[in-house]
C-alpha atoms as a PDB file:
ATOM      1  CA  MET A   1      28.522 -48.312 -16.886  1.00  0.00           C
ATOM      2  CA  THR A   2      28.685 -51.924 -17.451  1.00  0.00           C
ATOM      3  CA  GLY A   3      27.518 -54.156 -20.095  1.00  0.00           C
ATOM      4  CA  ALA A   4      24.228 -55.167 -18.149  1.00  0.00           C
ATOM      5  CA  GLN A   5      23.023 -51.446 -17.369  1.00  0.00           C
ATOM      6  CA  ARG A   6      24.103 -50.439 -20.833  1.00  0.00           C
ATOM      7  CA  TRP A   7      21.542 -53.309 -22.296  1.00  0.00           C
ATOM      8  CA  ARG A   8      18.822 -52.720 -19.661  1.00  0.00           C
ATOM      9  CA  ASP A   9      16.714 -50.603 -22.125  1.00  0.00           C
ATOM     10  CA  ASN A  10      17.332 -52.106 -25.079  1.00  0.00           C
ATOM     11  CA  TRP A  11      13.734 -53.209 -25.531  1.00  0.00           C
ATOM     12  CA  LEU A  12      13.110 -49.787 -26.376  1.00  0.00           C
ATOM     13  CA  ALA A  13      14.399 -50.366 -29.786  1.00  0.00           C
ATOM     14  CA  VAL A  14      11.188 -52.719 -30.517  1.00  0.00           C
ATOM     15  CA  SER A  15       8.727 -50.781 -28.335  1.00  0.00           C
ATOM     16  CA  PRO A  16       6.193 -48.125 -29.907  1.00  0.00           C
ATOM     17  CA  PRO A  17       6.222 -44.823 -28.383  1.00  0.00           C
ATOM     18  CA  GLY A  18       4.662 -44.704 -25.036  1.00  0.00           C
ATOM     19  CA  ALA A  19       4.594 -48.565 -24.704  1.00  0.00           C
ATOM     20  CA  VAL A  20       3.484 -49.668 -21.132  1.00  0.00           C
ATOM     21  CA  ARG A  21       5.986 -52.403 -20.054  1.00  0.00           C
ATOM     22  CA  VAL A  22       4.531 -55.330 -18.199  1.00  0.00           C
ATOM     23  CA  GLU A  23       7.294 -57.943 -16.956  1.00  0.00           C
ATOM     24  CA  LEU A  24       5.696 -61.185 -16.666  1.00  0.00           C
ATOM     25  CA  GLU A  25       6.559 -63.539 -13.639  1.00  0.00           C
ATOM     26  CA  HIS A  26       6.490 -67.141 -13.528  1.00  0.00           C
ATOM     27  CA  SER A  27       3.974 -66.931 -10.563  1.00  0.00           C
ATOM     28  CA  PRO A  28       0.420 -66.977 -11.826  1.00  0.00           C
ATOM     29  CA  ALA A  29      -0.574 -64.635  -8.795  1.00  0.00           C
ATOM     30  CA  GLY A  30       1.957 -62.079  -9.980  1.00  0.00           C
ATOM     31  CA  ARG A  31       0.561 -62.079 -13.513  1.00  0.00           C
ATOM     32  CA  ARG A  32      -2.946 -62.104 -12.257  1.00  0.00           C
ATOM     33  CA  HIS A  33      -2.426 -58.399 -10.595  1.00  0.00           C
ATOM     34  CA  LYS A  34      -0.728 -57.110 -13.747  1.00  0.00           C
ATOM     35  CA  GLU A  35      -3.520 -58.589 -15.679  1.00  0.00           C
ATOM     36  CA  ARG A  36      -6.077 -56.445 -13.939  1.00  0.00           C
ATOM     37  CA  ALA A  37      -3.895 -53.339 -14.355  1.00  0.00           C
ATOM     38  CA  VAL A  38      -3.479 -53.926 -18.173  1.00  0.00           C
ATOM     39  CA  ARG A  39      -7.148 -54.530 -18.630  1.00  0.00           C
ATOM     40  CA  GLU A  40      -7.791 -51.029 -17.309  1.00  0.00           C
ATOM     41  CA  LEU A  41      -5.672 -49.497 -20.196  1.00  0.00           C
ATOM     42  CA  PRO A  42      -7.243 -47.492 -22.690  1.00  0.00           C
ATOM     43  CA  THR A  43      -8.252 -49.196 -26.179  1.00  0.00           C
ATOM     44  CA  GLY A  44      -4.904 -48.723 -28.570  1.00  0.00           C
ATOM     45  CA  THR A  45      -2.576 -48.390 -25.750  1.00  0.00           C
ATOM     46  CA  PRO A  46       0.994 -50.045 -26.833  1.00  0.00           C
ATOM     47  CA  VAL A  47       2.152 -52.697 -24.553  1.00  0.00           C
ATOM     48  CA  VAL A  48       5.543 -54.362 -24.653  1.00  0.00           C
ATOM     49  CA  LEU A  49       5.557 -58.140 -22.520  1.00  0.00           C
ATOM     50  CA  SER A  50       8.420 -59.249 -21.477  1.00  0.00           C
ATOM     51  CA  ALA A  51       9.151 -62.831 -19.803  1.00  0.00           C
ATOM     52  CA  PRO A  52      12.272 -65.063 -18.958  1.00  0.00           C
ATOM     53  CA  GLY A  53      12.343 -68.519 -20.479  1.00  0.00           C
ATOM     54  CA  PRO A  54      11.835 -71.515 -20.849  1.00  0.00           C
ATOM     55  CA  GLY A  55       8.063 -70.842 -21.634  1.00  0.00           C
ATOM     56  CA  ALA A  56       8.050 -67.232 -21.854  1.00  0.00           C
ATOM     57  CA  ALA A  57       6.305 -67.572 -25.242  1.00  0.00           C
ATOM     58  CA  ARG A  58       3.472 -69.593 -23.357  1.00  0.00           C
ATOM     59  CA  ARG A  59       3.398 -66.742 -20.639  1.00  0.00           C
ATOM     60  CA  CYS A  60       3.316 -64.035 -22.972  1.00  0.00           C
ATOM     61  CA  ARG A  61       0.459 -65.476 -25.259  1.00  0.00           C
ATOM     62  CA  GLY A  62      -1.769 -66.728 -22.193  1.00  0.00           C
ATOM     63  CA  PHE A  63      -1.242 -63.022 -20.644  1.00  0.00           C
ATOM     64  CA  ALA A  64      -2.163 -61.497 -23.965  1.00  0.00           C
ATOM     65  CA  ALA A  65      -5.140 -63.910 -24.446  1.00  0.00           C
ATOM     66  CA  ARG A  66      -6.625 -62.933 -21.017  1.00  0.00           C
ATOM     67  CA  THR A  67      -6.100 -59.291 -21.372  1.00  0.00           C
ATOM     68  CA  ASP A  68      -7.368 -58.578 -25.091  1.00  0.00           C
ATOM     69  CA  VAL A  69      -3.836 -57.780 -25.717  1.00  0.00           C
ATOM     70  CA  VAL A  70      -3.614 -57.964 -29.886  1.00  0.00           C
ATOM     71  CA  LEU A  71       0.091 -59.466 -30.697  1.00  0.00           C
ATOM     72  CA  GLU A  72       1.783 -57.612 -33.230  1.00  0.00           C
ATOM     73  CA  ARG A  73       5.450 -58.919 -33.360  1.00  0.00           C
ATOM     74  CA  GLU A  74       7.553 -61.550 -31.022  1.00  0.00           C
ATOM     75  CA  PHE A  75      11.364 -61.408 -30.115  1.00  0.00           C
ATOM     76  CA  LEU A  76      13.687 -63.631 -28.423  1.00  0.00           C
ATOM     77  CA  ALA A  77      15.973 -61.626 -25.803  1.00  0.00           C
ATOM     78  CA  LEU A  78      19.506 -62.549 -25.331  1.00  0.00           C
ATOM     79  CA  PRO A  79      21.342 -63.101 -23.434  1.00  0.00           C
ATOM     80  CA  SER A  80      18.497 -62.273 -20.598  1.00  0.00           C
ATOM     81  CA  VAL A  81      15.093 -60.280 -20.786  1.00  0.00           C
ATOM     82  CA  THR A  82      16.085 -58.046 -18.119  1.00  0.00           C
ATOM     83  CA  ASN A  83      19.258 -57.091 -19.915  1.00  0.00           C
ATOM     84  CA  PRO A  84      18.976 -58.249 -23.571  1.00  0.00           C
ATOM     85  CA  ALA A  85      22.095 -57.380 -25.581  1.00  0.00           C
ATOM     86  CA  TYR A  86      20.136 -58.664 -28.816  1.00  0.00           C
ATOM     87  CA  VAL A  87      16.169 -58.369 -29.490  1.00  0.00           C
ATOM     88  CA  ASP A  88      16.271 -60.704 -32.234  1.00  0.00           C
ATOM     89  CA  GLU A  89      12.696 -61.137 -34.176  1.00  0.00           C
ATOM     90  CA  ASP A  90      11.230 -64.623 -33.606  1.00  0.00           C
ATOM     91  CA  ALA A  91      11.237 -65.592 -37.241  1.00  0.00           C
ATOM     92  CA  ARG A  92      12.979 -68.661 -38.720  1.00  0.00           C
ATOM     93  CA  GLU A  93      15.183 -66.158 -41.148  1.00  0.00           C
ATOM     94  CA  SER A  94      16.405 -64.074 -38.437  1.00  0.00           C
ATOM     95  CA  VAL A  95      17.096 -66.356 -35.924  1.00  0.00           C
ATOM     96  CA  GLU A  96      19.281 -68.361 -38.566  1.00  0.00           C
ATOM     97  CA  VAL A  97      21.091 -65.094 -39.438  1.00  0.00           C
ATOM     98  CA  PHE A  98      21.720 -64.506 -35.783  1.00  0.00           C
ATOM     99  CA  LEU A  99      23.107 -68.071 -35.282  1.00  0.00           C
ATOM    100  CA  ALA A 100      25.373 -67.848 -38.127  1.00  0.00           C
ATOM    101  CA  THR A 101      26.914 -64.306 -37.523  1.00  0.00           C
ATOM    102  CA  VAL A 102      26.231 -62.816 -34.137  1.00  0.00           C
ATOM    103  CA  LEU A 103      26.186 -66.247 -31.690  1.00  0.00           C
ATOM    104  CA  ALA A 104      29.879 -66.527 -30.857  1.00  0.00           C
ATOM    105  CA  THR A 105      31.957 -68.062 -27.947  1.00  0.00           C
ATOM    106  CA  PRO A 106      33.007 -64.951 -25.665  1.00  0.00           C
ATOM    107  CA  PRO A 107      36.798 -64.582 -25.948  1.00  0.00           C
ATOM    108  CA  GLY A 108      38.777 -66.179 -23.057  1.00  0.00           C
ATOM    109  CA  ALA A 109      35.250 -67.920 -22.072  1.00  0.00           C
ATOM    110  CA  PRO A 110      36.089 -71.339 -19.725  1.00  0.00           C
ATOM    111  CA  LEU A 111      35.791 -74.252 -21.826  1.00  0.00           C
ATOM    112  CA  SER A 112      35.465 -72.202 -24.970  1.00  0.00           C
ATOM    113  CA  ARG A 113      36.177 -75.345 -27.310  1.00  0.00           C
ATOM    114  CA  ALA A 114      33.017 -77.078 -25.789  1.00  0.00           C
ATOM    115  CA  VAL A 115      31.043 -74.033 -26.067  1.00  0.00           C
ATOM    116  CA  ASP A 116      32.365 -73.842 -29.813  1.00  0.00           C
ATOM    117  CA  VAL A 117      31.064 -77.319 -30.321  1.00  0.00           C
ATOM    118  CA  ILE A 118      27.632 -76.921 -28.790  1.00  0.00           C
ATOM    119  CA  LEU A 119      27.495 -73.824 -31.029  1.00  0.00           C
ATOM    120  CA  GLY A 120      28.552 -75.993 -34.317  1.00  0.00           C
ATOM    121  CA  VAL A 121      25.837 -78.481 -33.201  1.00  0.00           C
ATOM    122  CA  ILE A 122      23.154 -75.948 -32.893  1.00  0.00           C
ATOM    123  CA  ARG A 123      23.922 -74.273 -36.249  1.00  0.00           C
ATOM    124  CA  ALA A 124      23.963 -77.536 -37.999  1.00  0.00           C
ATOM    125  CA  LEU A 125      20.629 -78.429 -36.409  1.00  0.00           C
ATOM    126  CA  SER A 126      18.976 -74.963 -36.888  1.00  0.00           C
ATOM    127  CA  PRO A 127      16.460 -76.236 -34.114  1.00  0.00           C
ATOM    128  CA  LEU A 128      14.023 -73.199 -34.102  1.00  0.00           C
ATOM    129  CA  ARG A 129      11.402 -74.779 -31.802  1.00  0.00           C
ATOM    130  CA  LEU A 130      13.898 -75.732 -29.254  1.00  0.00           C
ATOM    131  CA  ILE A 131      15.625 -72.373 -29.601  1.00  0.00           C
ATOM    132  CA  ARG A 132      12.022 -70.686 -29.049  1.00  0.00           C
ATOM    133  CA  THR A 133      11.281 -72.847 -26.097  1.00  0.00           C
ATOM    134  CA  PHE A 134      14.677 -72.018 -24.084  1.00  0.00           C
ATOM    135  CA  ALA A 135      15.593 -68.713 -25.224  1.00  0.00           C
ATOM    136  CA  PRO A 136      16.406 -66.734 -22.067  1.00  0.00           C
ATOM    137  CA  GLY A 137      13.886 -64.314 -22.686  1.00  0.00           C
ATOM    138  CA  ARG A 138      10.961 -63.074 -24.629  1.00  0.00           C
ATOM    139  CA  VAL A 139       9.637 -59.512 -25.701  1.00  0.00           C
ATOM    140  CA  VAL A 140       6.066 -59.391 -27.357  1.00  0.00           C
ATOM    141  CA  VAL A 141       4.653 -56.207 -28.747  1.00  0.00           C
ATOM    142  CA  GLY A 142       1.134 -55.511 -28.891  1.00  0.00           C
ATOM    143  CA  ARG A 143      -1.918 -53.217 -28.169  1.00  0.00           C
ATOM    144  CA  CYS A 144      -4.776 -53.401 -26.019  1.00  0.00           C
ATOM    145  CA  GLY A 145      -7.763 -54.492 -27.713  1.00  0.00           C
END
């Protein structure tokens, strides 16, 4: 089993039991079809929304507002929302710990020195808004209202 396959279900670690997962595309037409399905779920049904970035937060929040899903928690999915090795809570403290202790240049990566420099700049600036905006994915947990 490859790493990507092994990570595919990591979103379940932040999901309530029995949650319905809704993967949001960039396409408004694709989201409208899913909006109808989510509106038909019983009140209180746990829902996990996931979307690829950038702009994933805006898409998830907009979808939740249009479908009366009450948001409970938000997470950044790294390196991607479809195969997240890490699902990190979208909170300043959590992101700062992740940047300082987990995010590292993979061994043998091409241009590893350049990647190290970029990571050093990111750590020094701690640009939370930038990280939130351009994170590779977002996972949002909520309930049908």
